[in-house]
Amino acid sequence: MNPDIAALLTELVEKVGLLRGDMKKKNDLEKYEARFARVEQKLSALAERISRTDPDLAKRLSTAWQLPGRSLAFRNAEHQKTREREGEDTQHAAEDGTQTPEDGT
């Protein structure tokens, strides 16, 4: 699957999982329990089908649904690592003279 689509799908599942958790804390989940059960059923079928070609994505989707806070924390940590690496690359480019101040390249 395209990595951008996989990331967006994971984020969508994560957001719905967070919504489910918020509703549970506010005791609103009971009214929509059957609907969330159907969402979970479809998500499980989707993850099972995806696992045939991309087991890692299937695992990320399951984690995003079951433990959305953990999934979000993991994604934030990965994003922070990427930003730090990009910052190091920019710093090294400036130090070796390959970066121009006008355009940042």
PDB file of N, CA and C in Angstrom:
ATOM      1  N   MET A   1       0.856  -1.179   0.000  1.00  0.00           N
ATOM      2  CA  MET A   1       0.000   0.000   0.000  1.00  0.00           C
ATOM      3  C   MET A   1       0.893   1.229   0.000  1.00  0.00           C
ATOM      4  N   ASN A   2       0.427   2.262  -0.655  1.00  0.00           N
ATOM      5  CA  ASN A   2       1.134   3.535  -0.685  1.00  0.00           C
ATOM      6  C   ASN A   2       1.375   4.008   0.755  1.00  0.00           C
ATOM      7  N   PRO A   3       2.614   4.394   1.112  1.00  0.00           N
ATOM      8  CA  PRO A   3       2.904   4.809   2.496  1.00  0.00           C
ATOM      9  C   PRO A   3       2.073   6.001   2.973  1.00  0.00           C
ATOM     10  N   ASP A   4       1.774   6.938   2.083  1.00  0.00           N
ATOM     11  CA  ASP A   4       0.961   8.092   2.483  1.00  0.00           C
ATOM     12  C   ASP A   4      -0.468   7.670   2.826  1.00  0.00           C
ATOM     13  N   ILE A   5      -1.017   6.773   2.023  1.00  0.00           N
ATOM     14  CA  ILE A   5      -2.369   6.273   2.290  1.00  0.00           C
ATOM     15  C   ILE A   5      -2.378   5.450   3.570  1.00  0.00           C
ATOM     16  N   ALA A   6      -1.359   4.635   3.768  1.00  0.00           N
ATOM     17  CA  ALA A   6      -1.269   3.827   4.992  1.00  0.00           C
ATOM     18  C   ALA A   6      -1.217   4.722   6.227  1.00  0.00           C
ATOM     19  N   ALA A   7      -0.439   5.807   6.146  1.00  0.00           N
ATOM     20  CA  ALA A   7      -0.340   6.730   7.287  1.00  0.00           C
ATOM     21  C   ALA A   7      -1.676   7.414   7.554  1.00  0.00           C
ATOM     22  N   LEU A   8      -2.354   7.853   6.498  1.00  0.00           N
ATOM     23  CA  LEU A   8      -3.656   8.495   6.676  1.00  0.00           C
ATOM     24  C   LEU A   8      -4.692   7.526   7.240  1.00  0.00           C
ATOM     25  N   LEU A   9      -4.677   6.297   6.770  1.00  0.00           N
ATOM     26  CA  LEU A   9      -5.606   5.288   7.276  1.00  0.00           C
ATOM     27  C   LEU A   9      -5.347   5.012   8.754  1.00  0.00           C
ATOM     28  N   THR A  10      -4.088   4.905   9.117  1.00  0.00           N
ATOM     29  CA  THR A  10      -3.732   4.681  10.521  1.00  0.00           C
ATOM     30  C   THR A  10      -4.198   5.842  11.383  1.00  0.00           C
ATOM     31  N   GLU A  11      -3.996   7.068  10.911  1.00  0.00           N
ATOM     32  CA  GLU A  11      -4.433   8.244  11.669  1.00  0.00           C
ATOM     33  C   GLU A  11      -5.950   8.275  11.816  1.00  0.00           C
ATOM     34  N   LEU A  12      -6.676   7.909  10.760  1.00  0.00           N
ATOM     35  CA  LEU A  12      -8.139   7.872  10.830  1.00  0.00           C
ATOM     36  C   LEU A  12      -8.599   6.872  11.885  1.00  0.00           C
ATOM     37  N   VAL A  13      -8.047   5.683  11.855  1.00  0.00           N
ATOM     38  CA  VAL A  13      -8.422   4.653  12.833  1.00  0.00           C
ATOM     39  C   VAL A  13      -8.082   5.125  14.243  1.00  0.00           C
ATOM     40  N   GLU A  14      -6.931   5.763  14.385  1.00  0.00           N
ATOM     41  CA  GLU A  14      -6.500   6.285  15.678  1.00  0.00           C
ATOM     42  C   GLU A  14      -7.500   7.319  16.205  1.00  0.00           C
ATOM     43  N   LYS A  15      -7.943   8.226  15.333  1.00  0.00           N
ATOM     44  CA  LYS A  15      -8.883   9.274  15.756  1.00  0.00           C
ATOM     45  C   LYS A  15     -10.219   8.683  16.194  1.00  0.00           C
ATOM     46  N   VAL A  16     -10.693   7.689  15.452  1.00  0.00           N
ATOM     47  CA  VAL A  16     -11.946   7.033  15.843  1.00  0.00           C
ATOM     48  C   VAL A  16     -11.756   6.283  17.160  1.00  0.00           C
ATOM     49  N   GLY A  17     -10.599   5.679  17.336  1.00  0.00           N
ATOM     50  CA  GLY A  17     -10.301   4.998  18.602  1.00  0.00           C
ATOM     51  C   GLY A  17     -10.263   5.981  19.772  1.00  0.00           C
ATOM     52  N   LEU A  18      -9.680   7.154  19.541  1.00  0.00           N
ATOM     53  CA  LEU A  18      -9.659   8.189  20.586  1.00  0.00           C
ATOM     54  C   LEU A  18     -11.075   8.665  20.907  1.00  0.00           C
ATOM     55  N   LEU A  19     -11.902   8.835  19.870  1.00  0.00           N
ATOM     56  CA  LEU A  19     -13.298   9.233  20.071  1.00  0.00           C
ATOM     57  C   LEU A  19     -14.036   8.191  20.902  1.00  0.00           C
ATOM     58  N   ARG A  20     -13.819   6.925  20.571  1.00  0.00           N
ATOM     59  CA  ARG A  20     -14.459   5.840  21.329  1.00  0.00           C
ATOM     60  C   ARG A  20     -14.048   5.904  22.801  1.00  0.00           C
ATOM     61  N   GLY A  21     -12.760   6.139  23.051  1.00  0.00           N
ATOM     62  CA  GLY A  21     -12.289   6.247  24.429  1.00  0.00           C
ATOM     63  C   GLY A  21     -12.889   7.430  25.164  1.00  0.00           C
ATOM     64  N   ASP A  22     -12.983   8.570  24.483  1.00  0.00           N
ATOM     65  CA  ASP A  22     -13.601   9.756  25.092  1.00  0.00           C
ATOM     66  C   ASP A  22     -15.065   9.499  25.429  1.00  0.00           C
ATOM     67  N   MET A  23     -15.767   8.860  24.499  1.00  0.00           N
ATOM     68  CA  MET A  23     -17.182   8.569  24.746  1.00  0.00           C
ATOM     69  C   MET A  23     -17.345   7.590  25.906  1.00  0.00           C
ATOM     70  N   LYS A  24     -16.424   6.655  26.015  1.00  0.00           N
ATOM     71  CA  LYS A  24     -16.490   5.691  27.123  1.00  0.00           C
ATOM     72  C   LYS A  24     -16.299   6.395  28.455  1.00  0.00           C
ATOM     73  N   LYS A  25     -15.343   7.328  28.504  1.00  0.00           N
ATOM     74  CA  LYS A  25     -15.089   8.072  29.748  1.00  0.00           C
ATOM     75  C   LYS A  25     -16.284   8.917  30.156  1.00  0.00           C
ATOM     76  N   LYS A  26     -17.015   9.436  29.175  1.00  0.00           N
ATOM     77  CA  LYS A  26     -18.179  10.291  29.452  1.00  0.00           C
ATOM     78  C   LYS A  26     -19.471   9.500  29.568  1.00  0.00           C
ATOM     79  N   ASN A  27     -19.370   8.180  29.560  1.00  0.00           N
ATOM     80  CA  ASN A  27     -20.530   7.282  29.640  1.00  0.00           C
ATOM     81  C   ASN A  27     -21.522   7.494  28.504  1.00  0.00           C
ATOM     82  N   ASP A  28     -21.037   7.921  27.344  1.00  0.00           N
ATOM     83  CA  ASP A  28     -21.882   8.085  26.166  1.00  0.00           C
ATOM     84  C   ASP A  28     -21.771   6.896  25.217  1.00  0.00           C
ATOM     85  N   LEU A  29     -20.849   6.000  25.478  1.00  0.00           N
ATOM     86  CA  LEU A  29     -20.592   4.899  24.551  1.00  0.00           C
ATOM     87  C   LEU A  29     -21.760   3.928  24.453  1.00  0.00           C
ATOM     88  N   GLU A  30     -22.496   3.746  25.541  1.00  0.00           N
ATOM     89  CA  GLU A  30     -23.590   2.775  25.547  1.00  0.00           C
ATOM     90  C   GLU A  30     -24.609   3.058  24.448  1.00  0.00           C
ATOM     91  N   LYS A  31     -24.875   4.329  24.185  1.00  0.00           N
ATOM     92  CA  LYS A  31     -25.858   4.698  23.165  1.00  0.00           C
ATOM     93  C   LYS A  31     -25.403   4.268  21.768  1.00  0.00           C
ATOM     94  N   TYR A  32     -24.087   4.219  21.560  1.00  0.00           N
ATOM     95  CA  TYR A  32     -23.537   3.944  20.237  1.00  0.00           C
ATOM     96  C   TYR A  32     -22.729   2.650  20.195  1.00  0.00           C
ATOM     97  N   GLU A  33     -22.889   1.834  21.207  1.00  0.00           N
ATOM     98  CA  GLU A  33     -22.087   0.618  21.324  1.00  0.00           C
ATOM     99  C   GLU A  33     -22.232  -0.299  20.115  1.00  0.00           C
ATOM    100  N   ALA A  34     -23.448  -0.470  19.623  1.00  0.00           N
ATOM    101  CA  ALA A  34     -23.669  -1.347  18.470  1.00  0.00           C
ATOM    102  C   ALA A  34     -22.967  -0.798  17.228  1.00  0.00           C
ATOM    103  N   ARG A  35     -23.000   0.505  17.046  1.00  0.00           N
ATOM    104  CA  ARG A  35     -22.326   1.104  15.891  1.00  0.00           C
ATOM    105  C   ARG A  35     -20.810   0.945  15.988  1.00  0.00           C
ATOM    106  N   PHE A  36     -20.269   1.164  17.163  1.00  0.00           N
ATOM    107  CA  PHE A  36     -18.823   0.987  17.340  1.00  0.00           C
ATOM    108  C   PHE A  36     -18.430  -0.483  17.175  1.00  0.00           C
ATOM    109  N   ALA A  37     -19.314  -1.390  17.576  1.00  0.00           N
ATOM    110  CA  ALA A  37     -19.039  -2.816  17.386  1.00  0.00           C
ATOM    111  C   ALA A  37     -18.963  -3.144  15.895  1.00  0.00           C
ATOM    112  N   ARG A  38     -19.845  -2.524  15.087  1.00  0.00           N
ATOM    113  CA  ARG A  38     -19.803  -2.749  13.642  1.00  0.00           C
ATOM    114  C   ARG A  38     -18.548  -2.127  13.027  1.00  0.00           C
ATOM    115  N   VAL A  39     -18.151  -0.957  13.523  1.00  0.00           N
ATOM    116  CA  VAL A  39     -16.910  -0.337  13.050  1.00  0.00           C
ATOM    117  C   VAL A  39     -15.739  -1.256  13.364  1.00  0.00           C
ATOM    118  N   GLU A  40     -15.707  -1.782  14.585  1.00  0.00           N
ATOM    119  CA  GLU A  40     -14.625  -2.687  14.972  1.00  0.00           C
ATOM    120  C   GLU A  40     -14.624  -3.951  14.113  1.00  0.00           C
ATOM    121  N   GLN A  41     -15.797  -4.474  13.813  1.00  0.00           N
ATOM    122  CA  GLN A  41     -15.901  -5.661  12.969  1.00  0.00           C
ATOM    123  C   GLN A  41     -15.322  -5.384  11.576  1.00  0.00           C
ATOM    124  N   LYS A  42     -15.673  -4.256  10.978  1.00  0.00           N
ATOM    125  CA  LYS A  42     -15.162  -3.900   9.648  1.00  0.00           C
ATOM    126  C   LYS A  42     -13.664  -3.631   9.695  1.00  0.00           C
ATOM    127  N   LEU A  43     -13.218  -2.996  10.752  1.00  0.00           N
ATOM    128  CA  LEU A  43     -11.786  -2.726  10.901  1.00  0.00           C
ATOM    129  C   LEU A  43     -11.000  -4.023  11.038  1.00  0.00           C
ATOM    130  N   SER A  44     -11.531  -4.971  11.775  1.00  0.00           N
ATOM    131  CA  SER A  44     -10.866  -6.267  11.920  1.00  0.00           C
ATOM    132  C   SER A  44     -10.774  -6.984  10.577  1.00  0.00           C
ATOM    133  N   ALA A  45     -11.850  -6.921   9.788  1.00  0.00           N
ATOM    134  CA  ALA A  45     -11.835  -7.542   8.463  1.00  0.00           C
ATOM    135  C   ALA A  45     -10.815  -6.848   7.561  1.00  0.00           C
ATOM    136  N   LEU A  46     -10.748  -5.528   7.639  1.00  0.00           N
ATOM    137  CA  LEU A  46      -9.775  -4.771   6.848  1.00  0.00           C
ATOM    138  C   LEU A  46      -8.350  -5.133   7.256  1.00  0.00           C
ATOM    139  N   ALA A  47      -8.087  -5.174   8.552  1.00  0.00           N
ATOM    140  CA  ALA A  47      -6.748  -5.511   9.043  1.00  0.00           C
ATOM    141  C   ALA A  47      -6.362  -6.934   8.639  1.00  0.00           C
ATOM    142  N   GLU A  48      -7.319  -7.845   8.674  1.00  0.00           N
ATOM    143  CA  GLU A  48      -7.031  -9.234   8.282  1.00  0.00           C
ATOM    144  C   GLU A  48      -6.651  -9.296   6.803  1.00  0.00           C
ATOM    145  N   ARG A  49      -7.376  -8.578   5.989  1.00  0.00           N
ATOM    146  CA  ARG A  49      -7.071  -8.583   4.551  1.00  0.00           C
ATOM    147  C   ARG A  49      -5.724  -7.914   4.278  1.00  0.00           C
ATOM    148  N   ILE A  50      -5.450  -6.806   4.946  1.00  0.00           N
ATOM    149  CA  ILE A  50      -4.177  -6.102   4.770  1.00  0.00           C
ATOM    150  C   ILE A  50      -3.015  -6.953   5.252  1.00  0.00           C
ATOM    151  N   SER A  51      -3.243  -7.757   6.293  1.00  0.00           N
ATOM    152  CA  SER A  51      -2.158  -8.566   6.861  1.00  0.00           C
ATOM    153  C   SER A  51      -1.591  -9.574   5.861  1.00  0.00           C
ATOM    154  N   ARG A  52      -2.353  -9.889   4.837  1.00  0.00           N
ATOM    155  CA  ARG A  52      -1.872 -10.824   3.812  1.00  0.00           C
ATOM    156  C   ARG A  52      -0.691 -10.237   3.034  1.00  0.00           C
ATOM    157  N   THR A  53      -0.698  -8.930   2.852  1.00  0.00           N
ATOM    158  CA  THR A  53       0.366  -8.287   2.075  1.00  0.00           C
ATOM    159  C   THR A  53       1.248  -7.365   2.905  1.00  0.00           C
ATOM    160  N   ASP A  54       0.713  -6.857   4.022  1.00  0.00           N
ATOM    161  CA  ASP A  54       1.478  -5.912   4.840  1.00  0.00           C
ATOM    162  C   ASP A  54       1.155  -6.133   6.322  1.00  0.00           C
ATOM    163  N   PRO A  55       1.767  -7.146   6.938  1.00  0.00           N
ATOM    164  CA  PRO A  55       1.471  -7.449   8.344  1.00  0.00           C
ATOM    165  C   PRO A  55       1.772  -6.292   9.294  1.00  0.00           C
ATOM    166  N   ASP A  56       2.797  -5.502   8.977  1.00  0.00           N
ATOM    167  CA  ASP A  56       3.151  -4.378   9.845  1.00  0.00           C
ATOM    168  C   ASP A  56       2.045  -3.334   9.872  1.00  0.00           C
ATOM    169  N   LEU A  57       1.490  -3.010   8.715  1.00  0.00           N
ATOM    170  CA  LEU A  57       0.381  -2.050   8.660  1.00  0.00           C
ATOM    171  C   LEU A  57      -0.834  -2.598   9.398  1.00  0.00           C
ATOM    172  N   ALA A  58      -1.124  -3.863   9.230  1.00  0.00           N
ATOM    173  CA  ALA A  58      -2.259  -4.468   9.932  1.00  0.00           C
ATOM    174  C   ALA A  58      -2.084  -4.344  11.446  1.00  0.00           C
ATOM    175  N   LYS A  59      -0.865  -4.545  11.911  1.00  0.00           N
ATOM    176  CA  LYS A  59      -0.580  -4.417  13.346  1.00  0.00           C
ATOM    177  C   LYS A  59      -0.747  -2.966  13.802  1.00  0.00           C
ATOM    178  N   ARG A  60      -0.267  -2.011  12.985  1.00  0.00           N
ATOM    179  CA  ARG A  60      -0.424  -0.590  13.330  1.00  0.00           C
ATOM    180  C   ARG A  60      -1.897  -0.194  13.398  1.00  0.00           C
ATOM    181  N   LEU A  61      -2.707  -0.714  12.468  1.00  0.00           N
ATOM    182  CA  LEU A  61      -4.138  -0.408  12.487  1.00  0.00           C
ATOM    183  C   LEU A  61      -4.802  -0.975  13.738  1.00  0.00           C
ATOM    184  N   SER A  62      -4.458  -2.204  14.088  1.00  0.00           N
ATOM    185  CA  SER A  62      -5.032  -2.812  15.298  1.00  0.00           C
ATOM    186  C   SER A  62      -4.633  -2.037  16.544  1.00  0.00           C
ATOM    187  N   THR A  63      -3.371  -1.628  16.611  1.00  0.00           N
ATOM    188  CA  THR A  63      -2.907  -0.837  17.755  1.00  0.00           C
ATOM    189  C   THR A  63      -3.609   0.513  17.790  1.00  0.00           C
ATOM    190  N   ALA A  64      -3.775   1.131  16.628  1.00  0.00           N
ATOM    191  CA  ALA A  64      -4.442   2.432  16.563  1.00  0.00           C
ATOM    192  C   ALA A  64      -5.875   2.346  17.084  1.00  0.00           C
ATOM    193  N   TRP A  65      -6.532   1.215  16.861  1.00  0.00           N
ATOM    194  CA  TRP A  65      -7.906   1.047  17.341  1.00  0.00           C
ATOM    195  C   TRP A  65      -7.946   0.691  18.822  1.00  0.00           C
ATOM    196  N   GLN A  66      -7.136  -0.276  19.222  1.00  0.00           N
ATOM    197  CA  GLN A  66      -7.197  -0.775  20.589  1.00  0.00           C
ATOM    198  C   GLN A  66      -6.502   0.146  21.588  1.00  0.00           C
ATOM    199  N   LEU A  67      -5.378   0.737  21.173  1.00  0.00           N
ATOM    200  CA  LEU A  67      -4.586   1.598  22.057  1.00  0.00           C
ATOM    201  C   LEU A  67      -4.225   2.896  21.314  1.00  0.00           C
ATOM    202  N   PRO A  68      -5.217   3.723  21.018  1.00  0.00           N
ATOM    203  CA  PRO A  68      -4.936   4.903  20.190  1.00  0.00           C
ATOM    204  C   PRO A  68      -3.940   5.872  20.824  1.00  0.00           C
ATOM    205  N   GLY A  69      -3.926   5.993  22.112  1.00  0.00           N
ATOM    206  CA  GLY A  69      -2.961   6.875  22.786  1.00  0.00           C
ATOM    207  C   GLY A  69      -1.533   6.396  22.571  1.00  0.00           C
ATOM    208  N   ARG A  70      -1.343   5.106  22.651  1.00  0.00           N
ATOM    209  CA  ARG A  70      -0.011   4.525  22.413  1.00  0.00           C
ATOM    210  C   ARG A  70       0.412   4.728  20.962  1.00  0.00           C
ATOM    211  N   SER A  71      -0.522   4.509  20.058  1.00  0.00           N
ATOM    212  CA  SER A  71      -0.243   4.695  18.634  1.00  0.00           C
ATOM    213  C   SER A  71       0.159   6.139  18.349  1.00  0.00           C
ATOM    214  N   LEU A  72      -0.567   7.077  18.920  1.00  0.00           N
ATOM    215  CA  LEU A  72      -0.276   8.493  18.730  1.00  0.00           C
ATOM    216  C   LEU A  72       1.095   8.842  19.306  1.00  0.00           C
ATOM    217  N   ALA A  73       1.395   8.335  20.485  1.00  0.00           N
ATOM    218  CA  ALA A  73       2.700   8.612  21.108  1.00  0.00           C
ATOM    219  C   ALA A  73       3.836   8.060  20.251  1.00  0.00           C
ATOM    220  N   PHE A  74       3.644   6.869  19.705  1.00  0.00           N
ATOM    221  CA  PHE A  74       4.668   6.261  18.858  1.00  0.00           C
ATOM    222  C   PHE A  74       4.877   7.092  17.594  1.00  0.00           C
ATOM    223  N   ARG A  75       3.782   7.513  16.961  1.00  0.00           N
ATOM    224  CA  ARG A  75       3.902   8.336  15.753  1.00  0.00           C
ATOM    225  C   ARG A  75       4.580   9.665  16.060  1.00  0.00           C
ATOM    226  N   ASN A  76       4.250  10.281  17.188  1.00  0.00           N
ATOM    227  CA  ASN A  76       4.882  11.544  17.568  1.00  0.00           C
ATOM    228  C   ASN A  76       6.375  11.358  17.795  1.00  0.00           C
ATOM    229  N   ALA A  77       6.765  10.253  18.412  1.00  0.00           N
ATOM    230  CA  ALA A  77       8.190   9.985  18.644  1.00  0.00           C
ATOM    231  C   ALA A  77       8.921   9.805  17.317  1.00  0.00           C
ATOM    232  N   GLU A  78       8.308   9.088  16.369  1.00  0.00           N
ATOM    233  CA  GLU A  78       8.914   8.907  15.049  1.00  0.00           C
ATOM    234  C   GLU A  78       9.043  10.240  14.325  1.00  0.00           C
ATOM    235  N   HIS A  79       8.016  11.070  14.436  1.00  0.00           N
ATOM    236  CA  HIS A  79       8.046  12.386  13.793  1.00  0.00           C
ATOM    237  C   HIS A  79       9.162  13.244  14.394  1.00  0.00           C
ATOM    238  N   GLN A  80       9.314  13.185  15.698  1.00  0.00           N
ATOM    239  CA  GLN A  80      10.364  13.958  16.370  1.00  0.00           C
ATOM    240  C   GLN A  80      11.746  13.492  15.918  1.00  0.00           C
ATOM    241  N   LYS A  81      11.947  12.185  15.789  1.00  0.00           N
ATOM    242  CA  LYS A  81      13.229  11.663  15.314  1.00  0.00           C
ATOM    243  C   LYS A  81      13.523  12.167  13.906  1.00  0.00           C
ATOM    244  N   THR A  82      12.510  12.165  13.054  1.00  0.00           N
ATOM    245  CA  THR A  82      12.683  12.653  11.678  1.00  0.00           C
ATOM    246  C   THR A  82      13.067  14.123  11.672  1.00  0.00           C
ATOM    247  N   ARG A  83      12.401  14.916  12.484  1.00  0.00           N
ATOM    248  CA  ARG A  83      12.712  16.352  12.556  1.00  0.00           C
ATOM    249  C   ARG A  83      14.128  16.581  13.060  1.00  0.00           C
ATOM    250  N   GLU A  84      14.553  15.786  14.050  1.00  0.00           N
ATOM    251  CA  GLU A  84      15.906  15.933  14.578  1.00  0.00           C
ATOM    252  C   GLU A  84      16.944  15.577  13.519  1.00  0.00           C
ATOM    253  N   ARG A  85      16.693  14.508  12.755  1.00  0.00           N
ATOM    254  CA  ARG A  85      17.618  14.129  11.683  1.00  0.00           C
ATOM    255  C   ARG A  85      17.681  15.212  10.620  1.00  0.00           C
ATOM    256  N   GLU A  86      16.528  15.779  10.258  1.00  0.00           N
ATOM    257  CA  GLU A  86      16.509  16.851   9.265  1.00  0.00           C
ATOM    258  C   GLU A  86      17.262  18.070   9.786  1.00  0.00           C
ATOM    259  N   GLY A  87      17.127  18.353  11.059  1.00  0.00           N
ATOM    260  CA  GLY A  87      17.850  19.467  11.669  1.00  0.00           C
ATOM    261  C   GLY A  87      19.343  19.241  11.636  1.00  0.00           C
ATOM    262  N   GLU A  88      19.774  17.997  11.894  1.00  0.00           N
ATOM    263  CA  GLU A  88      21.198  17.667  11.825  1.00  0.00           C
ATOM    264  C   GLU A  88      21.705  17.805  10.403  1.00  0.00           C
ATOM    265  N   ASP A  89      20.914  17.365   9.426  1.00  0.00           N
ATOM    266  CA  ASP A  89      21.310  17.487   8.026  1.00  0.00           C
ATOM    267  C   ASP A  89      21.466  18.947   7.638  1.00  0.00           C
ATOM    268  N   THR A  90      20.549  19.790   8.078  1.00  0.00           N
ATOM    269  CA  THR A  90      20.616  21.219   7.780  1.00  0.00           C
ATOM    270  C   THR A  90      21.842  21.836   8.438  1.00  0.00           C
ATOM    271  N   GLN A  91      22.103  21.427   9.686  1.00  0.00           N
ATOM    272  CA  GLN A  91      23.264  21.956  10.400  1.00  0.00           C
ATOM    273  C   GLN A  91      24.560  21.539   9.703  1.00  0.00           C
ATOM    274  N   HIS A  92      24.641  20.277   9.293  1.00  0.00           N
ATOM    275  CA  HIS A  92      25.848  19.804   8.606  1.00  0.00           C
ATOM    276  C   HIS A  92      26.031  20.511   7.269  1.00  0.00           C
ATOM    277  N   ALA A  93      24.944  20.751   6.557  1.00  0.00           N
ATOM    278  CA  ALA A  93      25.024  21.443   5.271  1.00  0.00           C
ATOM    279  C   ALA A  93      25.521  22.868   5.473  1.00  0.00           C
ATOM    280  N   ALA A  94      25.072  23.526   6.526  1.00  0.00           N
ATOM    281  CA  ALA A  94      25.518  24.886   6.807  1.00  0.00           C
ATOM    282  C   ALA A  94      26.991  24.898   7.188  1.00  0.00           C
ATOM    283  N   GLU A  95      27.414  23.873   7.938  1.00  0.00           N
ATOM    284  CA  GLU A  95      28.809  23.805   8.369  1.00  0.00           C
ATOM    285  C   GLU A  95      29.764  23.539   7.208  1.00  0.00           C
ATOM    286  N   ASP A  96      29.331  22.715   6.235  1.00  0.00           N
ATOM    287  CA  ASP A  96      30.242  22.405   5.133  1.00  0.00           C
ATOM    288  C   ASP A  96      30.060  23.331   3.934  1.00  0.00           C
ATOM    289  N   GLY A  97      29.189  24.323   4.067  1.00  0.00           N
ATOM    290  CA  GLY A  97      29.053  25.347   3.037  1.00  0.00           C
ATOM    291  C   GLY A  97      28.149  24.980   1.871  1.00  0.00           C
ATOM    292  N   THR A  98      27.398  23.883   1.982  1.00  0.00           N
ATOM    293  CA  THR A  98      26.513  23.506   0.881  1.00  0.00           C
ATOM    294  C   THR A  98      25.152  24.157   0.991  1.00  0.00           C
ATOM    295  N   GLN A  99      24.878  24.838   2.059  1.00  0.00           N
ATOM    296  CA  GLN A  99      23.597  25.510   2.243  1.00  0.00           C
ATOM    297  C   GLN A  99      23.795  27.012   2.075  1.00  0.00           C
ATOM    298  N   THR A 100      22.930  27.624   1.292  1.00  0.00           N
ATOM    299  CA  THR A 100      22.992  29.079   1.123  1.00  0.00           C
ATOM    300  C   THR A 100      21.977  29.717   2.043  1.00  0.00           C
ATOM    301  N   PRO A 101      22.311  30.861   2.635  1.00  0.00           N
ATOM    302  CA  PRO A 101      21.404  31.486   3.585  1.00  0.00           C
ATOM    303  C   PRO A 101      20.109  31.957   2.954  1.00  0.00           C
ATOM    304  N   GLU A 102      20.118  32.320   1.662  1.00  0.00           N
ATOM    305  CA  GLU A 102      18.913  32.884   1.045  1.00  0.00           C
ATOM    306  C   GLU A 102      17.798  31.869   0.904  1.00  0.00           C
ATOM    307  N   ASP A 103      18.139  30.679   0.403  1.00  0.00           N
ATOM    308  CA  ASP A 103      17.076  29.704   0.112  1.00  0.00           C
ATOM    309  C   ASP A 103      17.095  28.482   1.025  1.00  0.00           C
ATOM    310  N   GLY A 104      18.037  28.382   1.920  1.00  0.00           N
ATOM    311  CA  GLY A 104      18.082  27.278   2.880  1.00  0.00           C
ATOM    312  C   GLY A 104      18.521  25.965   2.258  1.00  0.00           C
ATOM    313  N   THR A 105      19.088  25.999   1.028  1.00  0.00           N
ATOM    314  CA  THR A 105      19.531  24.748   0.397  1.00  0.00           C
ATOM    315  C   THR A 105      21.033  24.714   0.297  1.00  0.00           C
TER     316      THR A 105
END
